[in-house]
């Protein structure tokens, strides 16, 4: 694990560039990893023993996969994806809305229309 590197000034404030958490891990995770570090050699021995188990081929295969996945990485899978894009429809709808917003509304009085339906007074 990396040690804490902190540089403080005479007021006790952290100096620019100092880092209290150089690993970027939270405390619980770092503590768990420190506890597990001691178990790693035994875990590897147990996996090696499982790989050598001639009586149980399923366990043997699982142990071999675990070792290979962690050392070589998991095998990449080829995936075929068909995507139906609604981007063109969405763009057309947005353009229609923009066109509607640009339309001007005629609010000039129309004397003929306004005189046909007189306003009733109370």
PDB file of N, CA and C in Angstrom:
ATOM      1  N   UNK A   1       0.832  -1.182   0.000  1.00  0.00           N
ATOM      2  CA  UNK A   1       0.000   0.000   0.000  1.00  0.00           C
ATOM      3  C   UNK A   1       0.883   1.253   0.000  1.00  0.00           C
ATOM      4  N   UNK A   2       0.367   2.306  -0.577  1.00  0.00           N
ATOM      5  CA  UNK A   2       1.089   3.557  -0.627  1.00  0.00           C
ATOM      6  C   UNK A   2       0.892   4.311   0.679  1.00  0.00           C
ATOM      7  N   UNK A   3       1.965   4.925   1.151  1.00  0.00           N
ATOM      8  CA  UNK A   3       1.874   5.688   2.385  1.00  0.00           C
ATOM      9  C   UNK A   3       1.233   7.039   2.111  1.00  0.00           C
ATOM     10  N   UNK A   4       0.659   7.624   3.178  1.00  0.00           N
ATOM     11  CA  UNK A   4       0.096   8.955   3.049  1.00  0.00           C
ATOM     12  C   UNK A   4       1.235   9.960   2.898  1.00  0.00           C
ATOM     13  N   UNK A   5       1.076  10.848   1.940  1.00  0.00           N
ATOM     14  CA  UNK A   5       2.037  11.926   1.766  1.00  0.00           C
ATOM     15  C   UNK A   5       1.284  13.209   2.028  1.00  0.00           C
ATOM     16  N   UNK A   6       1.631  13.839   3.129  1.00  0.00           N
ATOM     17  CA  UNK A   6       0.970  15.090   3.437  1.00  0.00           C
ATOM     18  C   UNK A   6       2.006  16.110   3.870  1.00  0.00           C
ATOM     19  N   UNK A   7       1.851  17.263   3.331  1.00  0.00           N
ATOM     20  CA  UNK A   7       2.735  18.359   3.669  1.00  0.00           C
ATOM     21  C   UNK A   7       1.850  19.464   4.222  1.00  0.00           C
ATOM     22  N   UNK A   8       2.145  19.856   5.453  1.00  0.00           N
ATOM     23  CA  UNK A   8       1.335  20.885   6.109  1.00  0.00           C
ATOM     24  C   UNK A   8       2.188  22.115   6.389  1.00  0.00           C
ATOM     25  N   UNK A   9       1.531  23.259   6.385  1.00  0.00           N
ATOM     26  CA  UNK A   9       2.239  24.490   6.717  1.00  0.00           C
ATOM     27  C   UNK A   9       2.219  24.715   8.228  1.00  0.00           C
ATOM     28  N   UNK A  10       2.745  25.843   8.668  1.00  0.00           N
ATOM     29  CA  UNK A  10       2.837  26.108  10.103  1.00  0.00           C
ATOM     30  C   UNK A  10       1.474  26.240  10.771  1.00  0.00           C
ATOM     31  N   UNK A  11       0.413  26.509  10.009  1.00  0.00           N
ATOM     32  CA  UNK A  11      -0.941  26.599  10.562  1.00  0.00           C
ATOM     33  C   UNK A  11      -1.638  25.235  10.589  1.00  0.00           C
ATOM     34  N   UNK A  12      -0.989  24.219  10.055  1.00  0.00           N
ATOM     35  CA  UNK A  12      -1.578  22.897  10.020  1.00  0.00           C
ATOM     36  C   UNK A  12      -2.425  22.633   8.787  1.00  0.00           C
ATOM     37  N   UNK A  13      -2.442  23.573   7.865  1.00  0.00           N
ATOM     38  CA  UNK A  13      -3.226  23.409   6.648  1.00  0.00           C
ATOM     39  C   UNK A  13      -2.434  22.592   5.629  1.00  0.00           C
ATOM     40  N   UNK A  14      -3.139  21.833   4.829  1.00  0.00           N
ATOM     41  CA  UNK A  14      -2.469  21.049   3.792  1.00  0.00           C
ATOM     42  C   UNK A  14      -1.903  21.969   2.727  1.00  0.00           C
ATOM     43  N   UNK A  15      -0.689  21.662   2.316  1.00  0.00           N
ATOM     44  CA  UNK A  15      -0.060  22.422   1.249  1.00  0.00           C
ATOM     45  C   UNK A  15      -0.616  21.964  -0.093  1.00  0.00           C
ATOM     46  N   UNK A  16      -0.498  22.806  -1.080  1.00  0.00           N
ATOM     47  CA  UNK A  16      -0.929  22.473  -2.426  1.00  0.00           C
ATOM     48  C   UNK A  16      -0.121  21.269  -2.929  1.00  0.00           C
ATOM     49  N   UNK A  17      -0.806  20.296  -3.494  1.00  0.00           N
ATOM     50  CA  UNK A  17      -0.143  19.118  -4.040  1.00  0.00           C
ATOM     51  C   UNK A  17      -0.067  17.946  -3.088  1.00  0.00           C
ATOM     52  N   UNK A  18      -0.419  18.146  -1.807  1.00  0.00           N
ATOM     53  CA  UNK A  18      -0.397  17.011  -0.881  1.00  0.00           C
ATOM     54  C   UNK A  18      -1.667  16.199  -1.056  1.00  0.00           C
ATOM     55  N   UNK A  19      -1.594  14.933  -0.722  1.00  0.00           N
ATOM     56  CA  UNK A  19      -2.722  14.042  -0.952  1.00  0.00           C
ATOM     57  C   UNK A  19      -2.885  13.134   0.259  1.00  0.00           C
ATOM     58  N   UNK A  20      -4.045  13.213   0.904  1.00  0.00           N
ATOM     59  CA  UNK A  20      -4.313  12.371   2.062  1.00  0.00           C
ATOM     60  C   UNK A  20      -4.755  10.970   1.660  1.00  0.00           C
ATOM     61  N   UNK A  21      -5.180  10.798   0.423  1.00  0.00           N
ATOM     62  CA  UNK A  21      -5.663   9.507  -0.030  1.00  0.00           C
ATOM     63  C   UNK A  21      -5.083   9.214  -1.417  1.00  0.00           C
ATOM     64  N   UNK A  22      -3.796   8.880  -1.502  1.00  0.00           N
ATOM     65  CA  UNK A  22      -3.181   8.695  -2.811  1.00  0.00           C
ATOM     66  C   UNK A  22      -3.721   7.499  -3.583  1.00  0.00           C
ATOM     67  N   UNK A  23      -4.283   6.488  -2.900  1.00  0.00           N
ATOM     68  CA  UNK A  23      -4.810   5.326  -3.610  1.00  0.00           C
ATOM     69  C   UNK A  23      -6.185   5.600  -4.190  1.00  0.00           C
ATOM     70  N   UNK A  24      -6.891   6.570  -3.632  1.00  0.00           N
ATOM     71  CA  UNK A  24      -8.233   6.886  -4.101  1.00  0.00           C
ATOM     72  C   UNK A  24      -9.293   5.949  -3.562  1.00  0.00           C
ATOM     73  N   UNK A  25      -8.909   5.001  -2.690  1.00  0.00           N
ATOM     74  CA  UNK A  25      -9.868   4.047  -2.135  1.00  0.00           C
ATOM     75  C   UNK A  25     -10.456   4.578  -0.841  1.00  0.00           C
ATOM     76  N   UNK A  26     -11.679   4.153  -0.557  1.00  0.00           N
ATOM     77  CA  UNK A  26     -12.236   4.517   0.740  1.00  0.00           C
ATOM     78  C   UNK A  26     -11.583   3.663   1.821  1.00  0.00           C
ATOM     79  N   UNK A  27     -11.722   4.070   3.066  1.00  0.00           N
ATOM     80  CA  UNK A  27     -11.023   3.416   4.171  1.00  0.00           C
ATOM     81  C   UNK A  27     -11.439   1.966   4.356  1.00  0.00           C
ATOM     82  N   UNK A  28     -12.738   1.679   4.232  1.00  0.00           N
ATOM     83  CA  UNK A  28     -13.216   0.304   4.436  1.00  0.00           C
ATOM     84  C   UNK A  28     -12.603  -0.640   3.407  1.00  0.00           C
ATOM     85  N   UNK A  29     -12.560  -0.198   2.162  1.00  0.00           N
ATOM     86  CA  UNK A  29     -11.997  -1.048   1.104  1.00  0.00           C
ATOM     87  C   UNK A  29     -10.497  -1.255   1.326  1.00  0.00           C
ATOM     88  N   UNK A  30      -9.783  -0.210   1.686  1.00  0.00           N
ATOM     89  CA  UNK A  30      -8.349  -0.330   1.926  1.00  0.00           C
ATOM     90  C   UNK A  30      -8.074  -1.279   3.095  1.00  0.00           C
ATOM     91  N   UNK A  31      -8.879  -1.188   4.151  1.00  0.00           N
ATOM     92  CA  UNK A  31      -8.711  -2.073   5.299  1.00  0.00           C
ATOM     93  C   UNK A  31      -8.967  -3.526   4.900  1.00  0.00           C
ATOM     94  N   UNK A  32     -10.021  -3.746   4.114  1.00  0.00           N
ATOM     95  CA  UNK A  32     -10.336  -5.094   3.660  1.00  0.00           C
ATOM     96  C   UNK A  32      -9.197  -5.666   2.813  1.00  0.00           C
ATOM     97  N   UNK A  33      -8.640  -4.859   1.919  1.00  0.00           N
ATOM     98  CA  UNK A  33      -7.544  -5.338   1.076  1.00  0.00           C
ATOM     99  C   UNK A  33      -6.311  -5.676   1.898  1.00  0.00           C
ATOM    100  N   UNK A  34      -6.024  -4.873   2.932  1.00  0.00           N
ATOM    101  CA  UNK A  34      -4.872  -5.181   3.795  1.00  0.00           C
ATOM    102  C   UNK A  34      -5.072  -6.514   4.509  1.00  0.00           C
ATOM    103  N   UNK A  35      -6.307  -6.789   4.952  1.00  0.00           N
ATOM    104  CA  UNK A  35      -6.583  -8.068   5.624  1.00  0.00           C
ATOM    105  C   UNK A  35      -6.458  -9.236   4.655  1.00  0.00           C
ATOM    106  N   UNK A  36      -6.884  -9.024   3.400  1.00  0.00           N
ATOM    107  CA  UNK A  36      -6.858 -10.108   2.417  1.00  0.00           C
ATOM    108  C   UNK A  36      -5.465 -10.373   1.849  1.00  0.00           C
ATOM    109  N   UNK A  37      -4.560  -9.396   1.946  1.00  0.00           N
ATOM    110  CA  UNK A  37      -3.213  -9.593   1.399  1.00  0.00           C
ATOM    111  C   UNK A  37      -2.537 -10.825   1.988  1.00  0.00           C
ATOM    112  N   UNK A  38      -2.749 -11.083   3.265  1.00  0.00           N
ATOM    113  CA  UNK A  38      -2.137 -12.243   3.899  1.00  0.00           C
ATOM    114  C   UNK A  38      -2.732 -13.556   3.439  1.00  0.00           C
ATOM    115  N   UNK A  39      -3.948 -13.511   2.933  1.00  0.00           N
ATOM    116  CA  UNK A  39      -4.617 -14.730   2.480  1.00  0.00           C
ATOM    117  C   UNK A  39      -4.283 -15.093   1.036  1.00  0.00           C
ATOM    118  N   UNK A  40      -3.705 -14.177   0.292  1.00  0.00           N
ATOM    119  CA  UNK A  40      -3.465 -14.412  -1.131  1.00  0.00           C
ATOM    120  C   UNK A  40      -2.618 -15.657  -1.395  1.00  0.00           C
ATOM    121  N   UNK A  41      -1.495 -15.870  -0.713  1.00  0.00           N
ATOM    122  CA  UNK A  41      -0.710 -17.084  -1.006  1.00  0.00           C
ATOM    123  C   UNK A  41      -1.491 -18.364  -0.738  1.00  0.00           C
ATOM    124  N   UNK A  42      -2.274 -18.384   0.346  1.00  0.00           N
ATOM    125  CA  UNK A  42      -3.063 -19.586   0.646  1.00  0.00           C
ATOM    126  C   UNK A  42      -4.176 -19.782  -0.378  1.00  0.00           C
ATOM    127  N   UNK A  43      -4.778 -18.681  -0.827  1.00  0.00           N
ATOM    128  CA  UNK A  43      -5.838 -18.793  -1.837  1.00  0.00           C
ATOM    129  C   UNK A  43      -5.274 -19.343  -3.139  1.00  0.00           C
ATOM    130  N   UNK A  44      -4.092 -18.885  -3.507  1.00  0.00           N
ATOM    131  CA  UNK A  44      -3.455 -19.405  -4.723  1.00  0.00           C
ATOM    132  C   UNK A  44      -3.126 -20.883  -4.583  1.00  0.00           C
ATOM    133  N   UNK A  45      -2.672 -21.274  -3.403  1.00  0.00           N
ATOM    134  CA  UNK A  45      -2.377 -22.695  -3.175  1.00  0.00           C
ATOM    135  C   UNK A  45      -3.638 -23.533  -3.275  1.00  0.00           C
ATOM    136  N   UNK A  46      -4.743 -23.014  -2.711  1.00  0.00           N
ATOM    137  CA  UNK A  46      -6.006 -23.748  -2.768  1.00  0.00           C
ATOM    138  C   UNK A  46      -6.491 -23.885  -4.208  1.00  0.00           C
ATOM    139  N   UNK A  47      -6.379 -22.807  -4.995  1.00  0.00           N
ATOM    140  CA  UNK A  47      -6.779 -22.880  -6.406  1.00  0.00           C
ATOM    141  C   UNK A  47      -5.902 -23.874  -7.162  1.00  0.00           C
ATOM    142  N   UNK A  48      -4.600 -23.856  -6.870  1.00  0.00           N
ATOM    143  CA  UNK A  48      -3.687 -24.794  -7.533  1.00  0.00           C
ATOM    144  C   UNK A  48      -4.064 -26.233  -7.197  1.00  0.00           C
ATOM    145  N   UNK A  49      -4.435 -26.477  -5.941  1.00  0.00           N
ATOM    146  CA  UNK A  49      -4.840 -27.828  -5.544  1.00  0.00           C
ATOM    147  C   UNK A  49      -6.121 -28.244  -6.258  1.00  0.00           C
ATOM    148  N   UNK A  50      -7.045 -27.283  -6.430  1.00  0.00           N
ATOM    149  CA  UNK A  50      -8.294 -27.599  -7.129  1.00  0.00           C
ATOM    150  C   UNK A  50      -8.047 -27.897  -8.608  1.00  0.00           C
ATOM    151  N   UNK A  51      -7.095 -27.208  -9.205  1.00  0.00           N
ATOM    152  CA  UNK A  51      -6.766 -27.463 -10.610  1.00  0.00           C
ATOM    153  C   UNK A  51      -6.203 -28.873 -10.767  1.00  0.00           C
ATOM    154  N   UNK A  52      -5.515 -29.360  -9.754  1.00  0.00           N
ATOM    155  CA  UNK A  52      -4.907 -30.693  -9.805  1.00  0.00           C
ATOM    156  C   UNK A  52      -5.869 -31.807  -9.398  1.00  0.00           C
ATOM    157  N   UNK A  53      -7.094 -31.465  -8.975  1.00  0.00           N
ATOM    158  CA  UNK A  53      -8.067 -32.460  -8.509  1.00  0.00           C
ATOM    159  C   UNK A  53      -8.550 -33.304  -9.686  1.00  0.00           C
ATOM    160  N   UNK A  54      -8.134 -34.550  -9.745  1.00  0.00           N
ATOM    161  CA  UNK A  54      -8.484 -35.448 -10.849  1.00  0.00           C
ATOM    162  C   UNK A  54      -9.877 -36.065 -10.658  1.00  0.00           C
ATOM    163  N   UNK A  55     -10.413 -36.035  -9.434  1.00  0.00           N
ATOM    164  CA  UNK A  55     -11.694 -36.683  -9.145  1.00  0.00           C
ATOM    165  C   UNK A  55     -12.907 -35.823  -9.501  1.00  0.00           C
ATOM    166  N   UNK A  56     -12.731 -34.521  -9.595  1.00  0.00           N
ATOM    167  CA  UNK A  56     -13.881 -33.653  -9.824  1.00  0.00           C
ATOM    168  C   UNK A  56     -13.567 -32.695 -10.984  1.00  0.00           C
ATOM    169  N   UNK A  57     -13.911 -33.088 -12.211  1.00  0.00           N
ATOM    170  CA  UNK A  57     -13.565 -32.263 -13.372  1.00  0.00           C
ATOM    171  C   UNK A  57     -14.287 -30.908 -13.384  1.00  0.00           C
ATOM    172  N   UNK A  58     -15.475 -30.823 -12.794  1.00  0.00           N
ATOM    173  CA  UNK A  58     -16.199 -29.551 -12.775  1.00  0.00           C
ATOM    174  C   UNK A  58     -15.467 -28.533 -11.916  1.00  0.00           C
ATOM    175  N   UNK A  59     -15.029 -28.952 -10.742  1.00  0.00           N
ATOM    176  CA  UNK A  59     -14.279 -28.071  -9.851  1.00  0.00           C
ATOM    177  C   UNK A  59     -12.949 -27.699 -10.501  1.00  0.00           C
ATOM    178  N   UNK A  60     -12.324 -28.653 -11.143  1.00  0.00           N
ATOM    179  CA  UNK A  60     -11.045 -28.432 -11.816  1.00  0.00           C
ATOM    180  C   UNK A  60     -11.186 -27.366 -12.901  1.00  0.00           C
ATOM    181  N   UNK A  61     -12.244 -27.484 -13.703  1.00  0.00           N
ATOM    182  CA  UNK A  61     -12.497 -26.512 -14.760  1.00  0.00           C
ATOM    183  C   UNK A  61     -12.781 -25.128 -14.174  1.00  0.00           C
ATOM    184  N   UNK A  62     -13.580 -25.074 -13.105  1.00  0.00           N
ATOM    185  CA  UNK A  62     -13.889 -23.787 -12.474  1.00  0.00           C
ATOM    186  C   UNK A  62     -12.646 -23.107 -11.924  1.00  0.00           C
ATOM    187  N   UNK A  63     -11.768 -23.881 -11.293  1.00  0.00           N
ATOM    188  CA  UNK A  63     -10.529 -23.317 -10.758  1.00  0.00           C
ATOM    189  C   UNK A  63      -9.636 -22.815 -11.890  1.00  0.00           C
ATOM    190  N   UNK A  64      -9.566 -23.573 -12.959  1.00  0.00           N
ATOM    191  CA  UNK A  64      -8.747 -23.156 -14.099  1.00  0.00           C
ATOM    192  C   UNK A  64      -9.289 -21.859 -14.699  1.00  0.00           C
ATOM    193  N   UNK A  65     -10.608 -21.764 -14.811  1.00  0.00           N
ATOM    194  CA  UNK A  65     -11.219 -20.525 -15.331  1.00  0.00           C
ATOM    195  C   UNK A  65     -10.901 -19.330 -14.439  1.00  0.00           C
ATOM    196  N   UNK A  66     -10.994 -19.528 -13.131  1.00  0.00           N
ATOM    197  CA  UNK A  66     -10.702 -18.438 -12.194  1.00  0.00           C
ATOM    198  C   UNK A  66      -9.277 -17.943 -12.379  1.00  0.00           C
ATOM    199  N   UNK A  67      -8.357 -18.862 -12.483  1.00  0.00           N
ATOM    200  CA  UNK A  67      -6.950 -18.468 -12.646  1.00  0.00           C
ATOM    201  C   UNK A  67      -6.755 -17.740 -13.968  1.00  0.00           C
ATOM    202  N   UNK A  68      -7.292 -18.285 -15.044  1.00  0.00           N
ATOM    203  CA  UNK A  68      -7.122 -17.658 -16.354  1.00  0.00           C
ATOM    204  C   UNK A  68      -7.820 -16.310 -16.443  1.00  0.00           C
ATOM    205  N   UNK A  69      -9.006 -16.197 -15.863  1.00  0.00           N
ATOM    206  CA  UNK A  69      -9.719 -14.915 -15.895  1.00  0.00           C
ATOM    207  C   UNK A  69      -8.925 -13.826 -15.184  1.00  0.00           C
ATOM    208  N   UNK A  70      -8.287 -14.187 -14.099  1.00  0.00           N
ATOM    209  CA  UNK A  70      -7.564 -13.184 -13.317  1.00  0.00           C
ATOM    210  C   UNK A  70      -6.167 -12.886 -13.867  1.00  0.00           C
ATOM    211  N   UNK A  71      -5.601 -13.802 -14.609  1.00  0.00           N
ATOM    212  CA  UNK A  71      -4.260 -13.556 -15.151  1.00  0.00           C
ATOM    213  C   UNK A  71      -4.300 -13.093 -16.601  1.00  0.00           C
ATOM    214  N   UNK A  72      -5.173 -13.670 -17.403  1.00  0.00           N
ATOM    215  CA  UNK A  72      -5.232 -13.352 -18.827  1.00  0.00           C
ATOM    216  C   UNK A  72      -6.371 -12.395 -19.167  1.00  0.00           C
ATOM    217  N   UNK A  73      -7.317 -12.243 -18.259  1.00  0.00           N
ATOM    218  CA  UNK A  73      -8.495 -11.437 -18.542  1.00  0.00           C
ATOM    219  C   UNK A  73      -9.577 -12.309 -19.141  1.00  0.00           C
ATOM    220  N   UNK A  74     -10.805 -11.871 -19.002  1.00  0.00           N
ATOM    221  CA  UNK A  74     -11.913 -12.647 -19.546  1.00  0.00           C
ATOM    222  C   UNK A  74     -11.918 -12.551 -21.065  1.00  0.00           C
ATOM    223  N   UNK A  75     -12.371 -13.614 -21.700  1.00  0.00           N
ATOM    224  CA  UNK A  75     -12.447 -13.636 -23.154  1.00  0.00           C
ATOM    225  C   UNK A  75     -13.487 -12.634 -23.626  1.00  0.00           C
ATOM    226  N   UNK A  76     -13.160 -11.935 -24.705  1.00  0.00           N
ATOM    227  CA  UNK A  76     -14.105 -10.968 -25.261  1.00  0.00           C
ATOM    228  C   UNK A  76     -15.176 -11.709 -26.026  1.00  0.00           C
ATOM    229  N   UNK A  77     -16.386 -11.201 -25.910  1.00  0.00           N
ATOM    230  CA  UNK A  77     -17.499 -11.821 -26.610  1.00  0.00           C
ATOM    231  C   UNK A  77     -17.923 -10.924 -27.759  1.00  0.00           C
ATOM    232  N   UNK A  78     -18.296 -11.550 -28.855  1.00  0.00           N
ATOM    233  CA  UNK A  78     -18.780 -10.805 -29.988  1.00  0.00           C
ATOM    234  C   UNK A  78     -20.289 -10.664 -29.850  1.00  0.00           C
ATOM    235  N   UNK A  79     -20.776  -9.446 -29.985  1.00  0.00           N
ATOM    236  CA  UNK A  79     -22.196  -9.177 -29.808  1.00  0.00           C
ATOM    237  C   UNK A  79     -22.709  -8.463 -31.039  1.00  0.00           C
ATOM    238  N   UNK A  80     -23.858  -8.902 -31.526  1.00  0.00           N
ATOM    239  CA  UNK A  80     -24.486  -8.227 -32.652  1.00  0.00           C
ATOM    240  C   UNK A  80     -25.684  -7.464 -32.115  1.00  0.00           C
ATOM    241  N   UNK A  81     -25.727  -6.179 -32.397  1.00  0.00           N
ATOM    242  CA  UNK A  81     -26.788  -5.327 -31.881  1.00  0.00           C
ATOM    243  C   UNK A  81     -27.443  -4.619 -33.049  1.00  0.00           C
ATOM    244  N   UNK A  82     -28.752  -4.685 -33.108  1.00  0.00           N
ATOM    245  CA  UNK A  82     -29.508  -3.940 -34.106  1.00  0.00           C
ATOM    246  C   UNK A  82     -30.171  -2.768 -33.394  1.00  0.00           C
ATOM    247  N   UNK A  83     -29.879  -1.567 -33.867  1.00  0.00           N
ATOM    248  CA  UNK A  83     -30.415  -0.370 -33.233  1.00  0.00           C
ATOM    249  C   UNK A  83     -31.327   0.324 -34.221  1.00  0.00           C
ATOM    250  N   UNK A  84     -32.529   0.600 -33.780  1.00  0.00           N
ATOM    251  CA  UNK A  84     -33.452   1.380 -34.582  1.00  0.00           C
ATOM    252  C   UNK A  84     -33.421   2.795 -34.032  1.00  0.00           C
ATOM    253  N   UNK A  85     -32.925   3.696 -34.838  1.00  0.00           N
ATOM    254  CA  UNK A  85     -32.767   5.072 -34.372  1.00  0.00           C
ATOM    255  C   UNK A  85     -34.034   5.865 -34.630  1.00  0.00           C
ATOM    256  N   UNK A  86     -34.485   6.555 -33.623  1.00  0.00           N
ATOM    257  CA  UNK A  86     -35.632   7.440 -33.786  1.00  0.00           C
ATOM    258  C   UNK A  86     -35.145   8.878 -33.854  1.00  0.00           C
ATOM    259  N   UNK A  87     -33.854   9.042 -34.098  1.00  0.00           N
ATOM    260  CA  UNK A  87     -33.268  10.381 -34.151  1.00  0.00           C
ATOM    261  C   UNK A  87     -33.872  11.237 -35.245  1.00  0.00           C
ATOM    262  N   UNK A  88     -34.136  10.641 -36.424  1.00  0.00           N
ATOM    263  CA  UNK A  88     -34.700  11.414 -37.538  1.00  0.00           C
ATOM    264  C   UNK A  88     -36.110  11.893 -37.196  1.00  0.00           C
ATOM    265  N   UNK A  89     -36.905  11.022 -36.573  1.00  0.00           N
ATOM    266  CA  UNK A  89     -38.263  11.422 -36.181  1.00  0.00           C
ATOM    267  C   UNK A  89     -38.226  12.514 -35.117  1.00  0.00           C
ATOM    268  N   UNK A  90     -37.310  12.374 -34.182  1.00  0.00           N
ATOM    269  CA  UNK A  90     -37.181  13.362 -33.116  1.00  0.00           C
ATOM    270  C   UNK A  90     -36.763  14.714 -33.700  1.00  0.00           C
ATOM    271  N   UNK A  91     -35.805  14.686 -34.633  1.00  0.00           N
ATOM    272  CA  UNK A  91     -35.347  15.912 -35.262  1.00  0.00           C
ATOM    273  C   UNK A  91     -36.476  16.571 -36.049  1.00  0.00           C
ATOM    274  N   UNK A  92     -37.267  15.785 -36.762  1.00  0.00           N
ATOM    275  CA  UNK A  92     -38.385  16.337 -37.526  1.00  0.00           C
ATOM    276  C   UNK A  92     -39.399  17.001 -36.595  1.00  0.00           C
ATOM    277  N   UNK A  93     -39.684  16.359 -35.453  1.00  0.00           N
ATOM    278  CA  UNK A  93     -40.622  16.941 -34.493  1.00  0.00           C
ATOM    279  C   UNK A  93     -40.087  18.250 -33.921  1.00  0.00           C
ATOM    280  N   UNK A  94     -38.784  18.296 -33.644  1.00  0.00           N
ATOM    281  CA  UNK A  94     -38.180  19.525 -33.122  1.00  0.00           C
ATOM    282  C   UNK A  94     -38.218  20.641 -34.162  1.00  0.00           C
ATOM    283  N   UNK A  95     -37.960  20.289 -35.412  1.00  0.00           N
ATOM    284  CA  UNK A  95     -38.017  21.303 -36.468  1.00  0.00           C
ATOM    285  C   UNK A  95     -39.428  21.849 -36.638  1.00  0.00           C
ATOM    286  N   UNK A  96     -40.429  20.976 -36.526  1.00  0.00           N
ATOM    287  CA  UNK A  96     -41.821  21.422 -36.626  1.00  0.00           C
ATOM    288  C   UNK A  96     -42.170  22.366 -35.476  1.00  0.00           C
ATOM    289  N   UNK A  97     -41.743  22.033 -34.280  1.00  0.00           N
ATOM    290  CA  UNK A  97     -41.989  22.914 -33.137  1.00  0.00           C
ATOM    291  C   UNK A  97     -41.299  24.263 -33.310  1.00  0.00           C
ATOM    292  N   UNK A  98     -40.076  24.244 -33.833  1.00  0.00           N
ATOM    293  CA  UNK A  98     -39.354  25.493 -34.063  1.00  0.00           C
ATOM    294  C   UNK A  98     -40.058  26.332 -35.122  1.00  0.00           C
ATOM    295  N   UNK A  99     -40.576  25.681 -36.158  1.00  0.00           N
ATOM    296  CA  UNK A  99     -41.303  26.398 -37.218  1.00  0.00           C
ATOM    297  C   UNK A  99     -42.574  27.040 -36.648  1.00  0.00           C
ATOM    298  N   UNK A 100     -43.285  26.307 -35.808  1.00  0.00           N
ATOM    299  CA  UNK A 100     -44.484  26.863 -35.177  1.00  0.00           C
ATOM    300  C   UNK A 100     -44.147  28.080 -34.319  1.00  0.00           C
ATOM    301  N   UNK A 101     -43.015  28.014 -33.629  1.00  0.00           N
ATOM    302  CA  UNK A 101     -42.619  29.125 -32.761  1.00  0.00           C
ATOM    303  C   UNK A 101     -42.257  30.358 -33.581  1.00  0.00           C
ATOM    304  N   UNK A 102     -41.807  30.178 -34.833  1.00  0.00           N
ATOM    305  CA  UNK A 102     -41.430  31.298 -35.689  1.00  0.00           C
ATOM    306  C   UNK A 102     -42.628  31.956 -36.365  1.00  0.00           C
ATOM    307  N   UNK A 103     -43.766  31.311 -36.376  1.00  0.00           N
ATOM    308  CA  UNK A 103     -44.932  31.864 -37.047  1.00  0.00           C
ATOM    309  C   UNK A 103     -45.407  33.103 -36.308  1.00  0.00           C
ATOM    310  N   UNK A 104     -45.789  34.110 -37.086  1.00  0.00           N
ATOM    311  CA  UNK A 104     -46.309  35.332 -36.472  1.00  0.00           C
ATOM    312  C   UNK A 104     -47.820  35.245 -36.412  1.00  0.00           C
ATOM    313  N   UNK A 105     -48.362  35.819 -35.394  1.00  0.00           N
ATOM    314  CA  UNK A 105     -49.815  35.839 -35.215  1.00  0.00           C
ATOM    315  C   UNK A 105     -50.288  37.254 -35.524  1.00  0.00           C
ATOM    316  N   UNK A 106     -51.251  37.348 -36.407  1.00  0.00           N
ATOM    317  CA  UNK A 106     -51.788  38.647 -36.811  1.00  0.00           C
ATOM    318  C   UNK A 106     -52.820  39.096 -35.783  1.00  0.00           C
ATOM    319  N   UNK A 107     -52.511  40.204 -35.109  1.00  0.00           N
ATOM    320  CA  UNK A 107     -53.443  40.708 -34.093  1.00  0.00           C
ATOM    321  C   UNK A 107     -54.015  42.070 -34.480  1.00  0.00           C
ATOM    322  N   UNK A 108     -53.845  42.431 -35.772  1.00  0.00           N
ATOM    323  CA  UNK A 108     -54.421  43.711 -36.198  1.00  0.00           C
ATOM    324  C   UNK A 108     -55.931  43.612 -36.209  1.00  0.00           C
ATOM    325  N   UNK A 109     -56.620  44.679 -35.764  1.00  0.00           N
ATOM    326  CA  UNK A 109     -58.086  44.629 -35.719  1.00  0.00           C
ATOM    327  C   UNK A 109     -58.682  44.517 -37.118  1.00  0.00           C
ATOM    328  N   UNK A 110     -59.734  43.730 -37.229  1.00  0.00           N
ATOM    329  CA  UNK A 110     -60.466  43.578 -38.469  1.00  0.00           C
ATOM    330  C   UNK A 110     -61.840  44.183 -38.219  1.00  0.00           C
ATOM    331  N   UNK A 111     -62.067  45.344 -38.821  1.00  0.00           N
ATOM    332  CA  UNK A 111     -63.289  46.090 -38.548  1.00  0.00           C
ATOM    333  C   UNK A 111     -64.518  45.309 -38.985  1.00  0.00           C
ATOM    334  N   UNK A 112     -64.464  44.657 -40.128  1.00  0.00           N
ATOM    335  CA  UNK A 112     -65.622  43.915 -40.623  1.00  0.00           C
ATOM    336  C   UNK A 112     -65.957  42.751 -39.685  1.00  0.00           C
ATOM    337  N   UNK A 113     -64.966  42.031 -39.269  1.00  0.00           N
ATOM    338  CA  UNK A 113     -65.195  40.882 -38.406  1.00  0.00           C
ATOM    339  C   UNK A 113     -65.677  41.332 -37.030  1.00  0.00           C
ATOM    340  N   UNK A 114     -65.091  42.394 -36.492  1.00  0.00           N
ATOM    341  CA  UNK A 114     -65.443  42.842 -35.142  1.00  0.00           C
ATOM    342  C   UNK A 114     -66.845  43.451 -35.100  1.00  0.00           C
ATOM    343  N   UNK A 115     -67.331  44.028 -36.184  1.00  0.00           N
ATOM    344  CA  UNK A 115     -68.663  44.619 -36.173  1.00  0.00           C
ATOM    345  C   UNK A 115     -69.746  43.591 -36.376  1.00  0.00           C
ATOM    346  N   UNK A 116     -69.386  42.427 -36.955  1.00  0.00           N
ATOM    347  CA  UNK A 116     -70.384  41.385 -37.180  1.00  0.00           C
ATOM    348  C   UNK A 116     -70.871  40.784 -35.869  1.00  0.00           C
ATOM    349  N   UNK A 117     -70.003  40.662 -34.894  1.00  0.00           N
ATOM    350  CA  UNK A 117     -70.376  40.094 -33.608  1.00  0.00           C
ATOM    351  C   UNK A 117     -70.162  41.131 -32.544  1.00  0.00           C
ATOM    352  N   UNK A 118     -71.167  41.948 -32.301  1.00  0.00           N
ATOM    353  CA  UNK A 118     -70.993  43.010 -31.307  1.00  0.00           C
ATOM    354  C   UNK A 118     -70.821  42.426 -29.896  1.00  0.00           C
ATOM    355  N   UNK A 119     -70.088  43.132 -29.101  1.00  0.00           N
ATOM    356  CA  UNK A 119     -69.821  42.723 -27.730  1.00  0.00           C
ATOM    357  C   UNK A 119     -71.005  43.130 -26.883  1.00  0.00           C
ATOM    358  N   UNK A 120     -71.521  42.214 -26.135  1.00  0.00           N
ATOM    359  CA  UNK A 120     -72.678  42.506 -25.291  1.00  0.00           C
ATOM    360  C   UNK A 120     -72.208  43.156 -24.002  1.00  0.00           C
ATOM    361  N   UNK A 121     -72.946  44.176 -23.588  1.00  0.00           N
ATOM    362  CA  UNK A 121     -72.618  44.875 -22.347  1.00  0.00           C
ATOM    363  C   UNK A 121     -73.568  44.440 -21.271  1.00  0.00           C
ATOM    364  N   UNK A 122     -73.081  44.383 -20.055  1.00  0.00           N
ATOM    365  CA  UNK A 122     -73.929  43.982 -18.936  1.00  0.00           C
ATOM    366  C   UNK A 122     -74.871  45.062 -18.505  1.00  0.00           C
TER     367      UNK A 122
END
